[in-house]
């Protein structure tokens, strides 16, 4: 475990060498839009307004909820990993210090849950969401509020949540249900 933590800190500390006013603003922006999954919730809700994307919208919102329940409600409280800025107090945060535990990253879980659903259902939208998701995940490292393993495991949890939801919707026929096809 010490080996993984040392790699985590090596990556975080290397990213701190890139700090500049532009990147501080840039990554603060991407952390902000990922806060509480707001950009992904908004995307899911927006998809509900169009017949062709309605089922995808429901799947995005369901995958977000599943990832939140497993990650934020479950795993975070079982693992109780302190955030890196609490361990390395020499780092000055330039964003508001987030509360709660570090593992897994909720930003990463939400980003990859929504993006994976979109990649499975509407590839073009998924390819638009993917760079946003990656930048949100990178922002958590640049901002020193998550370890790389938090982000990686959050992303895996998001992908898992999305694949479960897409599988259930397709296996049960929910994706093609009339309720999603009506205007």
Protein backbone atom coordinates (compact mmCIF):
# COMPACT_ATOMS: atom_id res chain seq x y z
CA UNK A 1 0.00 0.00 0.00
CA UNK A 2 2.87 2.38 0.76
CA UNK A 3 4.15 1.82 -2.79
CA UNK A 4 0.80 2.89 -4.29
CA UNK A 5 0.60 5.94 -2.01
CA UNK A 6 4.13 6.95 -3.02
CA UNK A 7 3.18 6.72 -6.71
CA UNK A 8 0.00 8.70 -5.99
CA UNK A 9 1.99 11.51 -4.38
CA UNK A 10 4.69 11.42 -7.08
CA UNK A 11 2.04 12.04 -9.74
CA UNK A 12 0.29 14.75 -7.70
CA UNK A 13 3.55 16.51 -6.92
CA UNK A 14 4.64 16.36 -10.59
CA UNK A 15 1.36 18.01 -11.59
CA UNK A 16 2.02 20.78 -9.06
CA UNK A 17 5.12 21.68 -11.09
CA UNK A 18 2.78 22.68 -13.96
CA UNK A 19 0.87 25.24 -11.91
CA UNK A 20 0.30 28.60 -13.52
CA UNK A 21 -2.51 31.17 -13.48
CA UNK A 22 -4.14 29.85 -16.66
CA UNK A 23 -4.13 26.19 -15.59
CA UNK A 24 -5.30 27.16 -12.09
CA UNK A 25 -8.34 28.85 -13.63
CA UNK A 26 -8.83 26.14 -16.29
CA UNK A 27 -8.85 23.21 -13.88
CA UNK A 28 -10.82 25.09 -11.23
CA UNK A 29 -13.50 25.57 -13.90
CA UNK A 30 -13.62 21.84 -14.74
CA UNK A 31 -13.74 20.88 -11.05
CA UNK A 32 -16.57 23.35 -10.57
CA UNK A 33 -18.71 22.04 -13.45
CA UNK A 34 -18.22 18.51 -12.15
CA UNK A 35 -19.35 19.47 -8.64
CA UNK A 36 -22.13 17.15 -7.41
CA UNK A 37 -22.34 15.83 -10.96
CA UNK A 38 -24.23 18.96 -12.01
CA UNK A 39 -23.09 18.96 -15.64
CA UNK A 40 -24.02 15.28 -15.99
CA UNK A 41 -27.36 15.69 -14.24
CA UNK A 42 -28.12 18.64 -16.52
CA UNK A 43 -27.13 16.58 -19.57
CA UNK A 44 -29.35 13.69 -18.44
CA UNK A 45 -32.30 16.03 -17.89
CA UNK A 46 -31.70 17.73 -21.26
CA UNK A 47 -31.78 14.33 -22.98
CA UNK A 48 -35.25 13.71 -21.53
CA UNK A 49 -36.73 16.47 -23.69
CA UNK A 50 -36.05 14.69 -26.99
CA UNK A 51 -37.77 11.49 -28.03
CA UNK A 52 -34.64 9.99 -29.61
CA UNK A 53 -32.53 10.55 -26.48
CA UNK A 54 -35.15 10.13 -23.73
CA UNK A 55 -34.15 6.57 -22.81
CA UNK A 56 -30.48 7.62 -22.74
CA UNK A 57 -31.39 10.47 -20.39
CA UNK A 58 -33.07 8.07 -17.98
CA UNK A 59 -30.07 5.73 -18.21
CA UNK A 60 -27.62 8.58 -17.51
CA UNK A 61 -29.58 9.68 -14.45
CA UNK A 62 -29.92 6.07 -13.24
CA UNK A 63 -26.20 5.37 -13.71
CA UNK A 64 -25.36 8.58 -11.82
CA UNK A 65 -27.60 7.51 -8.95
CA UNK A 66 -26.13 4.01 -8.86
CA UNK A 67 -22.55 5.34 -8.88
CA UNK A 68 -23.41 7.83 -6.13
CA UNK A 69 -25.00 5.15 -3.94
CA UNK A 70 -22.11 2.74 -4.32
CA UNK A 71 -19.28 5.29 -4.21
CA UNK A 72 -20.33 8.25 -2.09
CA UNK A 73 -22.77 6.54 0.25
CA UNK A 74 -21.01 3.16 0.45
CA UNK A 75 -17.31 2.96 -0.37
CA UNK A 76 -16.24 6.43 0.84
CA UNK A 77 -17.55 5.68 4.33
CA UNK A 78 -16.03 2.20 4.41
CA UNK A 79 -12.54 3.27 3.27
CA UNK A 80 -12.46 6.77 4.85
CA UNK A 81 -9.34 7.85 2.96
CA UNK A 82 -8.26 11.41 3.82
CA UNK A 83 -7.79 13.79 0.92
CA UNK A 84 -4.21 14.42 -0.22
CA UNK A 85 -4.16 18.09 0.84
CA UNK A 86 -4.94 16.93 4.39
CA UNK A 87 -1.97 14.56 4.34
CA UNK A 88 0.47 16.90 2.58
CA UNK A 89 -0.30 20.19 4.27
CA UNK A 90 2.49 21.98 2.36
CA UNK A 91 0.20 22.31 -0.66
CA UNK A 92 -1.94 25.43 -0.90
CA UNK A 93 -5.31 24.86 -2.48
CA UNK A 94 -6.63 27.50 -4.85
CA UNK A 95 -10.15 26.04 -4.86
CA UNK A 96 -12.45 25.58 -1.89
CA UNK A 97 -11.42 22.56 0.11
CA UNK A 98 -13.93 19.78 -0.49
CA UNK A 99 -15.37 17.95 2.48
CA UNK A 100 -15.75 14.24 2.88
CA UNK A 101 -13.44 11.40 2.10
CA UNK A 102 -11.27 10.98 -0.95
CA UNK A 103 -11.81 7.41 -2.24
CA UNK A 104 -13.33 7.01 -4.78
CA UNK A 105 -13.63 10.30 -6.67
CA UNK A 106 -17.30 11.19 -7.06
CA UNK A 107 -16.44 13.59 -9.90
CA UNK A 108 -14.79 10.73 -11.79
CA UNK A 109 -17.60 8.30 -11.06
CA UNK A 110 -20.22 10.72 -12.38
CA UNK A 111 -18.15 11.74 -15.41
CA UNK A 112 -17.56 8.19 -16.56
CA UNK A 113 -21.07 6.95 -15.70
CA UNK A 114 -22.67 9.59 -17.94
CA UNK A 115 -20.03 9.35 -20.67
CA UNK A 116 -20.20 5.55 -20.82
CA UNK A 117 -24.00 5.57 -21.14
CA UNK A 118 -23.68 8.09 -23.96
CA UNK A 119 -20.96 6.06 -25.69
CA UNK A 120 -23.24 3.00 -25.53
CA UNK A 121 -26.39 4.76 -26.71
CA UNK A 122 -25.40 7.81 -28.78
CA UNK A 123 -21.74 7.55 -29.79
CA UNK A 124 -21.47 11.12 -31.12
CA UNK A 125 -22.69 12.55 -27.83
CA UNK A 126 -20.38 10.18 -25.98
CA UNK A 127 -17.37 11.39 -27.95
CA UNK A 128 -18.33 14.97 -27.12
CA UNK A 129 -18.66 14.10 -23.41
CA UNK A 130 -15.41 12.13 -23.20
CA UNK A 131 -12.93 15.05 -23.30
CA UNK A 132 -15.05 16.92 -20.74
CA UNK A 133 -15.00 13.84 -18.49
CA UNK A 134 -11.23 13.48 -18.84
CA UNK A 135 -10.66 17.15 -18.03
CA UNK A 136 -12.90 16.91 -14.95
CA UNK A 137 -10.94 13.89 -13.75
CA UNK A 138 -7.59 15.59 -14.40
CA UNK A 139 -8.82 18.68 -12.55
CA UNK A 140 -9.20 16.64 -9.38
CA UNK A 141 -5.52 15.70 -9.57
CA UNK A 142 -4.27 19.13 -10.58
CA UNK A 143 -6.29 20.68 -7.75
CA UNK A 144 -4.73 18.21 -5.28
CA UNK A 145 -8.08 17.06 -3.90
CA UNK A 146 -7.89 13.41 -5.05
CA UNK A 147 -5.20 10.82 -5.49
CA UNK A 148 -4.75 9.21 -8.92
CA UNK A 149 -6.06 5.93 -7.51
CA UNK A 150 -9.22 7.75 -6.33
CA UNK A 151 -9.78 9.05 -9.85
CA UNK A 152 -8.98 5.72 -11.50
CA UNK A 153 -11.28 3.74 -9.20
CA UNK A 154 -13.99 6.39 -9.50
CA UNK A 155 -13.79 6.10 -13.29
CA UNK A 156 -14.00 2.30 -13.10
CA UNK A 157 -17.00 2.56 -10.78
CA UNK A 158 -18.67 5.00 -13.20
CA UNK A 159 -18.07 2.69 -16.16
CA UNK A 160 -19.36 -0.28 -14.16
CA UNK A 161 -22.48 1.62 -13.07
CA UNK A 162 -23.22 2.68 -16.64
CA UNK A 163 -22.69 -0.79 -18.08
CA UNK A 164 -25.00 -2.34 -15.48
CA UNK A 165 -27.72 0.21 -16.25
CA UNK A 166 -27.36 -0.15 -20.03
CA UNK A 167 -27.37 -3.95 -19.70
CA UNK A 168 -30.53 -3.93 -17.55
CA UNK A 169 -32.32 -1.48 -19.86
CA UNK A 170 -31.46 -3.55 -22.94
CA UNK A 171 -32.05 -6.98 -21.39
CA UNK A 172 -35.47 -5.98 -20.04
CA UNK A 173 -36.45 -4.02 -23.14
CA UNK A 174 -36.80 -0.78 -21.15
CA UNK A 175 -34.70 1.07 -23.72
CA UNK A 176 -37.40 0.46 -26.35
CA UNK A 177 -40.43 0.95 -24.10
CA UNK A 178 -43.19 3.08 -25.46
CA UNK A 179 -42.93 5.55 -22.58
CA UNK A 180 -39.55 6.67 -23.95
CA UNK A 181 -40.78 6.88 -27.54
CA UNK A 182 -43.86 9.08 -27.07
CA UNK A 183 -43.65 12.80 -27.68
